[in-house]
């Protein structure tokens, strides 16, 4: 919205703007969701996120069925929570597990 505190800034969508403003952009799951939201919102395919088409279809479908912004927000919060959980789980699978330090056990 014009004049709103949180809106698009430069090439960033509002979600990217929020993450940067509150210092959350380094959280991988949130950063990846921001990339997906960017591709859905700005339709520039900047991040080439395959999830963007599916997320856009889900939100469009829910908005046609619910026709109430509060209900839409409630339902889409589950979608975004699930997406966040999935992206974090994928990160856990990719990250090597830390090995215990033998020196710390002998102290």
N, C-alpha and C. Protein backbone atom coordinates (compact mmCIF):
# COMPACT_ATOMS: atom_id res chain seq x y z
N UNK A 1 0.84 -1.18 0.00
CA UNK A 1 0.00 0.00 0.00
C UNK A 1 0.88 1.24 0.00
N UNK A 2 0.45 2.20 -0.73
CA UNK A 2 1.18 3.45 -0.80
C UNK A 2 1.28 4.08 0.59
N UNK A 3 2.47 4.48 0.97
CA UNK A 3 2.68 5.15 2.25
C UNK A 3 2.79 4.22 3.44
N UNK A 4 2.65 2.93 3.22
CA UNK A 4 2.76 1.98 4.33
C UNK A 4 4.22 1.84 4.75
N UNK A 5 4.42 1.54 6.03
CA UNK A 5 5.78 1.38 6.52
C UNK A 5 6.46 0.18 5.88
N UNK A 6 5.73 -0.89 5.71
CA UNK A 6 6.29 -2.10 5.11
C UNK A 6 5.66 -2.31 3.75
N UNK A 7 6.49 -2.25 2.74
CA UNK A 7 6.04 -2.40 1.36
C UNK A 7 7.23 -2.84 0.53
N UNK A 8 7.09 -2.86 -0.76
CA UNK A 8 8.22 -3.19 -1.62
C UNK A 8 9.27 -2.09 -1.48
N UNK A 9 10.53 -2.50 -1.44
CA UNK A 9 11.65 -1.54 -1.43
C UNK A 9 12.64 -1.99 -2.48
N UNK A 10 12.91 -1.14 -3.44
CA UNK A 10 13.82 -1.52 -4.51
C UNK A 10 13.30 -2.75 -5.23
N UNK A 11 14.12 -3.80 -5.29
CA UNK A 11 13.73 -5.05 -5.94
C UNK A 11 13.12 -6.05 -4.96
N UNK A 12 12.94 -5.66 -3.70
CA UNK A 12 12.43 -6.57 -2.67
C UNK A 12 10.91 -6.51 -2.55
N UNK A 13 10.30 -7.68 -2.34
CA UNK A 13 8.88 -7.71 -2.00
C UNK A 13 8.73 -7.34 -0.51
N UNK A 14 7.51 -7.19 -0.08
CA UNK A 14 7.26 -6.77 1.30
C UNK A 14 7.82 -7.77 2.31
N UNK A 15 7.70 -9.06 2.03
CA UNK A 15 8.21 -10.07 2.96
C UNK A 15 9.72 -9.95 3.10
N UNK A 16 10.42 -9.73 2.01
CA UNK A 16 11.87 -9.52 2.08
C UNK A 16 12.19 -8.27 2.89
N UNK A 17 11.42 -7.22 2.68
CA UNK A 17 11.60 -5.98 3.42
C UNK A 17 11.45 -6.22 4.92
N UNK A 18 10.42 -6.98 5.31
CA UNK A 18 10.20 -7.29 6.73
C UNK A 18 11.37 -8.07 7.32
N UNK A 19 11.82 -9.09 6.61
CA UNK A 19 12.92 -9.91 7.13
C UNK A 19 14.18 -9.07 7.32
N UNK A 20 14.47 -8.20 6.36
CA UNK A 20 15.65 -7.35 6.49
C UNK A 20 15.49 -6.35 7.62
N UNK A 21 14.32 -5.78 7.74
CA UNK A 21 14.08 -4.76 8.77
C UNK A 21 14.24 -5.33 10.18
N UNK A 22 13.79 -6.58 10.38
CA UNK A 22 13.85 -7.19 11.71
C UNK A 22 15.03 -8.12 11.89
N UNK A 23 15.98 -8.10 10.97
CA UNK A 23 17.20 -8.89 11.09
C UNK A 23 16.97 -10.39 11.02
N UNK A 24 16.00 -10.82 10.24
CA UNK A 24 15.66 -12.25 10.15
C UNK A 24 16.09 -12.89 8.83
N UNK A 25 16.72 -12.13 7.96
CA UNK A 25 17.06 -12.61 6.63
C UNK A 25 18.08 -13.75 6.67
N UNK A 26 18.83 -13.87 7.74
CA UNK A 26 19.85 -14.94 7.85
C UNK A 26 19.25 -16.28 8.25
N UNK A 27 17.98 -16.31 8.63
CA UNK A 27 17.32 -17.58 8.96
C UNK A 27 16.96 -18.25 7.65
N UNK A 28 17.62 -19.37 7.37
CA UNK A 28 17.53 -20.00 6.06
C UNK A 28 16.10 -20.29 5.62
N UNK A 29 15.29 -20.87 6.48
CA UNK A 29 13.91 -21.19 6.12
C UNK A 29 13.12 -19.95 5.74
N UNK A 30 13.29 -18.88 6.50
CA UNK A 30 12.58 -17.63 6.19
C UNK A 30 13.10 -17.00 4.91
N UNK A 31 14.42 -17.07 4.71
CA UNK A 31 15.00 -16.51 3.49
C UNK A 31 14.48 -17.25 2.25
N UNK A 32 14.37 -18.58 2.36
CA UNK A 32 13.87 -19.35 1.22
C UNK A 32 12.38 -19.06 0.97
N UNK A 33 11.61 -18.91 2.03
CA UNK A 33 10.20 -18.53 1.85
C UNK A 33 10.12 -17.16 1.20
N UNK A 34 10.99 -16.25 1.60
CA UNK A 34 11.00 -14.91 1.00
C UNK A 34 11.29 -15.00 -0.49
N UNK A 35 12.18 -15.89 -0.90
CA UNK A 35 12.47 -16.07 -2.32
C UNK A 35 11.23 -16.57 -3.06
N UNK A 36 10.53 -17.53 -2.46
CA UNK A 36 9.32 -18.08 -3.07
C UNK A 36 8.24 -16.99 -3.17
N UNK A 37 8.04 -16.26 -2.08
CA UNK A 37 7.04 -15.18 -2.06
C UNK A 37 7.41 -14.11 -3.09
N UNK A 38 8.69 -13.79 -3.18
CA UNK A 38 9.15 -12.81 -4.17
C UNK A 38 8.74 -13.25 -5.58
N UNK A 39 9.04 -14.51 -5.91
CA UNK A 39 8.70 -15.00 -7.26
C UNK A 39 7.19 -14.99 -7.50
N UNK A 40 6.39 -15.29 -6.47
CA UNK A 40 4.93 -15.25 -6.61
C UNK A 40 4.46 -13.80 -6.77
N UNK A 41 4.95 -12.93 -5.90
CA UNK A 41 4.46 -11.56 -5.84
C UNK A 41 4.91 -10.72 -7.03
N UNK A 42 6.18 -10.76 -7.32
CA UNK A 42 6.73 -9.88 -8.37
C UNK A 42 6.73 -10.53 -9.74
N UNK A 43 6.51 -11.83 -9.78
CA UNK A 43 6.40 -12.56 -11.05
C UNK A 43 7.58 -12.32 -11.98
N UNK A 44 8.78 -12.16 -11.39
CA UNK A 44 9.98 -11.93 -12.21
C UNK A 44 10.90 -13.15 -12.27
N UNK A 45 10.53 -14.21 -11.55
CA UNK A 45 11.30 -15.46 -11.53
C UNK A 45 12.77 -15.23 -11.16
N UNK A 46 12.99 -14.24 -10.32
CA UNK A 46 14.35 -13.88 -9.91
C UNK A 46 15.07 -15.06 -9.26
N UNK A 47 14.36 -15.81 -8.44
CA UNK A 47 15.00 -16.90 -7.69
C UNK A 47 14.74 -18.28 -8.30
N UNK A 48 13.91 -18.34 -9.33
CA UNK A 48 13.60 -19.60 -10.01
C UNK A 48 13.14 -20.68 -9.02
N UNK A 49 12.29 -20.29 -8.06
CA UNK A 49 11.81 -21.24 -7.06
C UNK A 49 10.64 -22.03 -7.64
N UNK A 50 10.81 -23.34 -7.74
CA UNK A 50 9.77 -24.21 -8.27
C UNK A 50 8.52 -24.19 -7.41
N UNK A 51 8.69 -23.94 -6.11
CA UNK A 51 7.56 -23.93 -5.18
C UNK A 51 6.61 -22.76 -5.44
N UNK A 52 7.08 -21.75 -6.13
CA UNK A 52 6.28 -20.53 -6.33
C UNK A 52 4.96 -20.82 -7.05
N UNK A 53 5.00 -21.63 -8.10
CA UNK A 53 3.77 -21.93 -8.85
C UNK A 53 2.76 -22.66 -7.98
N UNK A 54 3.22 -23.63 -7.19
CA UNK A 54 2.31 -24.37 -6.31
C UNK A 54 1.73 -23.50 -5.22
N UNK A 55 2.58 -22.68 -4.60
CA UNK A 55 2.11 -21.80 -3.53
C UNK A 55 1.10 -20.80 -4.08
N UNK A 56 1.38 -20.26 -5.25
CA UNK A 56 0.46 -19.31 -5.87
C UNK A 56 -0.89 -19.98 -6.14
N UNK A 57 -0.88 -21.20 -6.65
CA UNK A 57 -2.12 -21.91 -6.93
C UNK A 57 -2.91 -22.18 -5.66
N UNK A 58 -2.22 -22.58 -4.60
CA UNK A 58 -2.89 -22.86 -3.32
C UNK A 58 -3.55 -21.60 -2.77
N UNK A 59 -2.82 -20.51 -2.77
CA UNK A 59 -3.36 -19.26 -2.22
C UNK A 59 -4.51 -18.74 -3.08
N UNK A 60 -4.36 -18.82 -4.40
CA UNK A 60 -5.46 -18.39 -5.28
C UNK A 60 -6.70 -19.23 -5.05
N UNK A 61 -6.52 -20.54 -4.94
CA UNK A 61 -7.66 -21.43 -4.70
C UNK A 61 -8.34 -21.15 -3.38
N UNK A 62 -7.54 -21.00 -2.33
CA UNK A 62 -8.12 -20.72 -1.01
C UNK A 62 -8.85 -19.38 -1.00
N UNK A 63 -8.32 -18.39 -1.71
CA UNK A 63 -8.97 -17.07 -1.72
C UNK A 63 -10.32 -17.12 -2.42
N UNK A 64 -10.47 -18.02 -3.39
CA UNK A 64 -11.76 -18.16 -4.08
C UNK A 64 -12.78 -18.90 -3.21
N UNK A 65 -12.30 -19.85 -2.40
CA UNK A 65 -13.20 -20.63 -1.55
C UNK A 65 -13.59 -19.85 -0.29
N UNK A 66 -12.65 -19.17 0.31
CA UNK A 66 -12.89 -18.55 1.62
C UNK A 66 -13.51 -17.17 1.52
N UNK A 67 -13.06 -16.34 0.62
CA UNK A 67 -13.61 -15.00 0.41
C UNK A 67 -13.69 -14.15 1.69
N UNK A 68 -12.84 -14.46 2.63
CA UNK A 68 -12.79 -13.71 3.89
C UNK A 68 -11.31 -13.63 4.27
N UNK A 69 -10.80 -12.41 4.37
CA UNK A 69 -9.37 -12.24 4.60
C UNK A 69 -8.89 -12.89 5.89
N UNK A 70 -9.67 -12.81 6.96
CA UNK A 70 -9.26 -13.42 8.23
C UNK A 70 -9.15 -14.94 8.10
N UNK A 71 -10.15 -15.54 7.47
CA UNK A 71 -10.12 -17.00 7.27
C UNK A 71 -8.97 -17.39 6.34
N UNK A 72 -8.74 -16.59 5.31
CA UNK A 72 -7.64 -16.85 4.39
C UNK A 72 -6.31 -16.79 5.13
N UNK A 73 -6.14 -15.80 5.97
CA UNK A 73 -4.91 -15.67 6.76
C UNK A 73 -4.72 -16.88 7.67
N UNK A 74 -5.80 -17.33 8.32
CA UNK A 74 -5.71 -18.51 9.19
C UNK A 74 -5.27 -19.74 8.40
N UNK A 75 -5.89 -19.96 7.27
CA UNK A 75 -5.58 -21.16 6.49
C UNK A 75 -4.18 -21.09 5.87
N UNK A 76 -3.81 -19.94 5.35
CA UNK A 76 -2.49 -19.85 4.73
C UNK A 76 -1.38 -19.89 5.76
N UNK A 77 -1.67 -19.54 7.01
CA UNK A 77 -0.63 -19.65 8.04
C UNK A 77 -0.20 -21.10 8.20
N UNK A 78 -1.13 -22.04 8.07
CA UNK A 78 -0.78 -23.47 8.13
C UNK A 78 0.09 -23.86 6.94
N UNK A 79 -0.23 -23.32 5.78
CA UNK A 79 0.56 -23.61 4.58
C UNK A 79 1.99 -23.11 4.76
N UNK A 80 2.14 -21.88 5.24
CA UNK A 80 3.48 -21.32 5.42
C UNK A 80 4.23 -21.99 6.56
N UNK A 81 3.54 -22.37 7.63
CA UNK A 81 4.19 -23.12 8.71
C UNK A 81 4.72 -24.44 8.19
N UNK A 82 3.92 -25.12 7.38
CA UNK A 82 4.36 -26.39 6.80
C UNK A 82 5.54 -26.21 5.88
N UNK A 83 5.51 -25.18 5.06
CA UNK A 83 6.61 -24.90 4.15
C UNK A 83 7.88 -24.59 4.93
N UNK A 84 7.76 -23.81 5.98
CA UNK A 84 8.91 -23.48 6.83
C UNK A 84 9.49 -24.74 7.47
N UNK A 85 8.63 -25.61 7.99
CA UNK A 85 9.08 -26.85 8.60
C UNK A 85 9.80 -27.73 7.57
N UNK A 86 9.26 -27.81 6.37
CA UNK A 86 9.88 -28.61 5.32
C UNK A 86 11.25 -28.05 4.94
N UNK A 87 11.34 -26.74 4.77
CA UNK A 87 12.62 -26.14 4.38
C UNK A 87 13.66 -26.31 5.47
N UNK A 88 13.26 -26.23 6.73
CA UNK A 88 14.21 -26.44 7.82
C UNK A 88 14.63 -27.89 7.90
N UNK A 89 13.71 -28.82 7.65
CA UNK A 89 14.05 -30.25 7.67
C UNK A 89 15.04 -30.56 6.56
N UNK A 90 14.85 -29.97 5.38
CA UNK A 90 15.78 -30.18 4.28
C UNK A 90 17.16 -29.66 4.65
N UNK A 91 17.23 -28.57 5.37
CA UNK A 91 18.52 -28.02 5.80
C UNK A 91 19.19 -28.97 6.78
N UNK A 92 18.42 -29.55 7.71
CA UNK A 92 18.98 -30.49 8.67
C UNK A 92 19.58 -31.70 7.96
N UNK A 93 18.91 -32.19 6.91
CA UNK A 93 19.41 -33.34 6.16
C UNK A 93 20.71 -33.01 5.45
N UNK A 94 20.85 -31.78 4.96
CA UNK A 94 22.05 -31.38 4.22
C UNK A 94 23.22 -31.08 5.14
N UNK A 95 22.94 -30.62 6.35
CA UNK A 95 24.01 -30.22 7.26
C UNK A 95 24.63 -31.43 7.92
N UNK A 96 25.96 -31.52 7.90
CA UNK A 96 26.58 -32.65 8.60
C UNK A 96 26.38 -32.51 10.10
N UNK A 97 26.16 -33.62 10.76
CA UNK A 97 25.97 -33.59 12.21
C UNK A 97 27.33 -33.34 12.87
N UNK A 98 27.38 -32.45 13.87
CA UNK A 98 28.65 -32.19 14.55
C UNK A 98 29.10 -33.44 15.30
N UNK A 99 30.38 -33.69 15.25
CA UNK A 99 30.93 -34.82 15.96
C UNK A 99 31.31 -34.37 17.36
N UNK A 100 31.09 -35.23 18.35
CA UNK A 100 31.46 -34.85 19.72
C UNK A 100 32.98 -34.63 19.81
N UNK A 101 33.35 -33.64 20.58
CA UNK A 101 34.76 -33.34 20.79
C UNK A 101 35.26 -34.22 21.93
N UNK A 102 36.19 -35.11 21.63
CA UNK A 102 36.70 -36.05 22.63
C UNK A 102 37.40 -35.32 23.76
N UNK A 103 38.05 -34.21 23.45
CA UNK A 103 38.77 -33.47 24.49
C UNK A 103 37.83 -32.93 25.55
N UNK A 104 36.62 -32.51 25.16
CA UNK A 104 35.70 -31.92 26.13
C UNK A 104 35.17 -32.96 27.10
N UNK A 105 35.13 -34.25 26.72
CA UNK A 105 34.64 -35.29 27.63
C UNK A 105 35.69 -35.67 28.68
N UNK A 106 36.96 -35.38 28.42
CA UNK A 106 38.01 -35.78 29.35
C UNK A 106 38.30 -34.72 30.39
N UNK A 107 37.58 -33.66 30.38
CA UNK A 107 37.87 -32.56 31.34
C UNK A 107 37.12 -32.75 32.60
